[in-house]
Amino acid sequence: MAATIHATLKGESSNSYVTLAEANSYFETSPDDSTWTNKTDDQKNRALISACRWIDDLIFFGDRCDESQALKWPRNNFQVDDVELACTLIPAKIKHAQFELARALANDPDAMTGNKGTEGVVKEIEVEIGDLKEKKKYNEPSLATGKVNNVFDVYPWLQSYLGSYCLGGAGGYQVRVVRG
């Protein structure tokens, strides 16, 4: 089944902050749009929806404008660069973050899957203390798996788009302390 974008501002079933047309227009102005234009519309839609999900996992300043809106944006009750967030629009940087993250995910769909228990996990260890040597093997099915806690862990450049709006990340990510 083809993925369908729902980008209604404050929509109860929205799954994206941007439309496919907006994304295509954005990439027409980038130095190299080939990493976007070489994808099908369905791949682009899936990448945009996935990017929106990852962005929505973050913790943002301000409040949702409507309790029934599906997504975290638009927001109000916060200022960025002395401009009050408004319930009538999604800030350009939020949209740009979604465009860029969608392109990254479209070109590396497995980037956010995290550890599958087969990479970076010790299967066998040998400990030597003086004359004593011991080898310990771990059963492969028991190796730990995990997921990436935060989109910033994989794509730290997203902070340049979202940092002004974020209180912190998802899960155990460090948060910025604001004193007033």
Protein backbone atom coordinates (compact mmCIF):
# COMPACT_ATOMS: atom_id res chain seq x y z
CA MET A 1 0.00 0.00 0.00
CA ALA A 2 1.30 3.42 -0.90
CA ALA A 3 2.11 5.86 1.88
CA THR A 4 -0.11 8.94 2.01
CA ILE A 5 0.93 12.26 3.50
CA HIS A 6 -1.55 14.09 5.76
CA ALA A 7 -0.12 17.54 6.44
CA THR A 8 -3.10 19.48 7.77
CA LEU A 9 -2.09 22.15 10.27
CA LYS A 10 -3.31 21.01 13.72
CA GLY A 11 -4.92 17.98 12.05
CA GLU A 12 -6.12 15.08 14.17
CA SER A 13 -4.70 12.56 11.69
CA SER A 14 -1.67 14.49 10.38
CA ASN A 15 1.49 12.46 9.86
CA SER A 16 3.75 15.12 8.35
CA TYR A 17 4.57 18.79 8.70
CA VAL A 18 5.16 19.11 4.96
CA THR A 19 3.70 17.87 1.70
CA LEU A 20 5.56 15.99 -1.02
CA ALA A 21 5.22 19.04 -3.26
CA GLU A 22 6.91 21.22 -0.61
CA ALA A 23 9.74 18.71 -0.25
CA ASN A 24 10.27 18.49 -4.01
CA SER A 25 10.32 22.29 -4.23
CA TYR A 26 12.81 22.51 -1.34
CA PHE A 27 15.23 20.10 -3.00
CA GLU A 28 15.04 21.95 -6.33
CA THR A 29 17.11 24.65 -4.61
CA SER A 30 19.71 22.35 -3.04
CA PRO A 31 23.20 21.98 -4.54
CA ASP A 32 22.62 18.26 -5.28
CA ASP A 33 19.04 17.12 -5.47
CA SER A 34 19.87 13.75 -7.06
CA THR A 35 19.70 11.97 -3.69
CA TRP A 36 16.04 13.02 -3.51
CA THR A 37 14.92 13.00 -7.14
CA ASN A 38 16.16 9.42 -7.64
CA LYS A 39 13.44 8.15 -5.23
CA THR A 40 9.87 7.23 -6.11
CA ASP A 41 7.02 9.32 -4.70
CA ASP A 42 6.13 6.44 -2.38
CA GLN A 43 9.72 6.25 -1.06
CA LYS A 44 9.70 10.02 -0.52
CA ASN A 45 6.35 9.91 1.29
CA ARG A 46 7.57 7.10 3.55
CA ALA A 47 10.77 9.00 4.32
CA LEU A 48 8.83 12.20 5.10
CA ILE A 49 6.43 10.36 7.43
CA SER A 50 9.31 8.57 9.17
CA ALA A 51 11.27 11.82 9.55
CA CYS A 52 8.22 13.46 11.13
CA ARG A 53 7.89 10.58 13.60
CA TRP A 54 11.53 10.93 14.68
CA ILE A 55 11.20 14.70 15.04
CA ASP A 56 8.02 14.24 17.06
CA ASP A 57 9.93 12.01 19.52
CA LEU A 58 11.83 15.08 20.69
CA ILE A 59 10.78 17.31 23.57
CA PHE A 60 10.02 20.88 22.54
CA PHE A 61 9.57 24.17 24.39
CA GLY A 62 6.11 25.68 24.44
CA ASP A 63 2.73 24.01 24.22
CA ARG A 64 0.70 22.30 21.54
CA CYS A 65 -1.84 24.70 20.08
CA ASP A 66 -4.67 22.19 20.16
CA GLU A 67 -5.03 19.15 22.41
CA SER A 68 -6.48 17.12 19.54
CA GLN A 69 -3.66 17.75 17.06
CA ALA A 70 -1.80 14.57 16.18
CA LEU A 71 1.66 16.15 15.93
CA LYS A 72 3.65 18.33 18.32
CA TRP A 73 3.63 21.33 15.98
CA PRO A 74 2.34 24.02 15.77
CA ARG A 75 3.20 25.25 19.25
CA ASN A 76 2.84 28.47 21.23
CA ASN A 77 3.97 30.04 24.52
CA PHE A 78 7.63 30.22 23.55
CA GLN A 79 9.92 32.62 21.67
CA VAL A 80 12.83 31.90 19.37
CA ASP A 81 14.98 34.88 18.40
CA ASP A 82 12.37 37.19 19.97
CA VAL A 83 9.67 35.80 17.70
CA GLU A 84 6.68 34.23 19.44
CA LEU A 85 5.69 30.79 18.16
CA ALA A 86 2.31 30.97 16.42
CA CYS A 87 -0.49 28.47 16.02
CA THR A 88 -0.91 29.51 12.40
CA LEU A 89 2.28 27.99 10.99
CA ILE A 90 5.09 25.47 11.34
CA PRO A 91 8.48 27.26 11.64
CA ALA A 92 10.67 27.00 8.54
CA LYS A 93 13.48 25.31 10.50
CA ILE A 94 11.13 22.50 11.58
CA LYS A 95 10.15 21.94 7.95
CA HIS A 96 13.77 22.11 6.78
CA ALA A 97 14.73 19.56 9.43
CA GLN A 98 12.01 17.23 8.15
CA PHE A 99 13.16 17.66 4.54
CA GLU A 100 16.80 16.95 5.34
CA LEU A 101 16.07 14.06 7.69
CA ALA A 102 13.71 12.53 5.11
CA ARG A 103 16.44 12.66 2.47
CA ALA A 104 18.92 11.06 4.88
CA LEU A 105 16.45 8.29 5.79
CA ALA A 106 15.48 7.70 2.16
CA ASN A 107 19.14 7.10 1.35
CA ASP A 108 19.89 5.01 4.45
CA PRO A 109 16.64 3.36 5.65
CA ASP A 110 18.47 1.34 8.31
CA ALA A 111 20.23 4.31 9.95
CA MET A 112 17.83 4.48 12.89
CA THR A 113 17.43 0.75 13.59
CA GLY A 114 20.17 0.62 16.19
CA ASN A 115 22.02 -2.46 17.39
CA LYS A 116 20.58 -5.76 16.13
CA GLY A 117 22.79 -7.77 18.48
CA THR A 118 25.22 -8.66 15.71
CA GLU A 119 27.38 -5.55 15.53
CA GLY A 120 29.68 -4.21 18.22
CA VAL A 121 28.73 -6.86 20.75
CA VAL A 122 31.36 -9.19 22.21
CA LYS A 123 30.66 -12.86 21.41
CA GLU A 124 33.79 -14.20 23.04
CA ILE A 125 36.18 -12.73 25.58
CA GLU A 126 39.46 -14.01 26.98
CA VAL A 127 40.67 -12.77 30.35
CA GLU A 128 44.23 -13.36 31.52
CA ILE A 129 45.32 -12.64 35.09
CA GLY A 130 48.83 -13.88 35.78
CA ASP A 131 48.92 -17.60 34.97
CA LEU A 132 45.14 -17.88 34.94
CA LYS A 133 43.39 -17.69 31.58
CA GLU A 134 39.68 -17.91 31.10
CA LYS A 135 37.63 -17.78 27.95
CA LYS A 136 33.95 -16.93 28.02
CA LYS A 137 31.63 -17.45 25.05
CA TYR A 138 28.20 -15.93 24.83
CA ASN A 139 25.26 -17.56 23.16
CA GLU A 140 24.39 -15.45 20.08
CA PRO A 141 20.63 -15.41 20.71
CA SER A 142 21.28 -13.90 24.14
CA LEU A 143 23.26 -10.94 22.79
CA ALA A 144 21.70 -7.62 23.66
CA THR A 145 19.78 -5.67 21.09
CA GLY A 146 18.78 -2.08 21.32
CA LYS A 147 17.47 0.93 19.49
CA VAL A 148 18.84 4.37 18.96
CA ASN A 149 17.52 6.63 21.71
CA ASN A 150 17.49 9.83 19.77
CA VAL A 151 17.65 11.07 16.21
CA PHE A 152 20.45 13.46 17.32
CA ASP A 153 22.64 10.42 18.10
CA VAL A 154 22.63 9.44 14.43
CA TYR A 155 22.20 12.86 12.81
CA PRO A 156 23.82 15.45 15.10
CA TRP A 157 23.54 18.08 12.34
CA LEU A 158 19.78 18.18 13.01
CA GLN A 159 20.55 20.20 16.13
CA SER A 160 21.37 23.18 13.90
CA TYR A 161 17.74 23.12 12.72
CA LEU A 162 15.94 22.03 15.89
CA GLY A 163 18.19 23.12 18.77
CA SER A 164 16.45 26.44 19.40
CA TYR A 165 13.11 24.68 19.77
CA CYS A 166 14.17 21.57 21.72
CA LEU A 167 14.16 21.21 25.45
CA GLY A 168 16.00 17.94 25.02
CA GLY A 169 15.78 14.63 23.33
CA ALA A 170 13.85 11.44 23.69
CA GLY A 171 14.76 8.76 26.21
CA GLY A 172 17.91 9.38 28.22
CA TYR A 173 19.33 12.13 26.06
CA GLN A 174 20.89 15.09 27.86
CA VAL A 175 18.76 18.15 28.19
CA ARG A 176 19.71 21.80 28.15
CA VAL A 177 19.20 23.64 31.44
CA VAL A 178 17.59 27.05 31.14
CA ARG A 179 17.81 29.42 34.06
CA GLY A 180 15.60 32.43 34.17
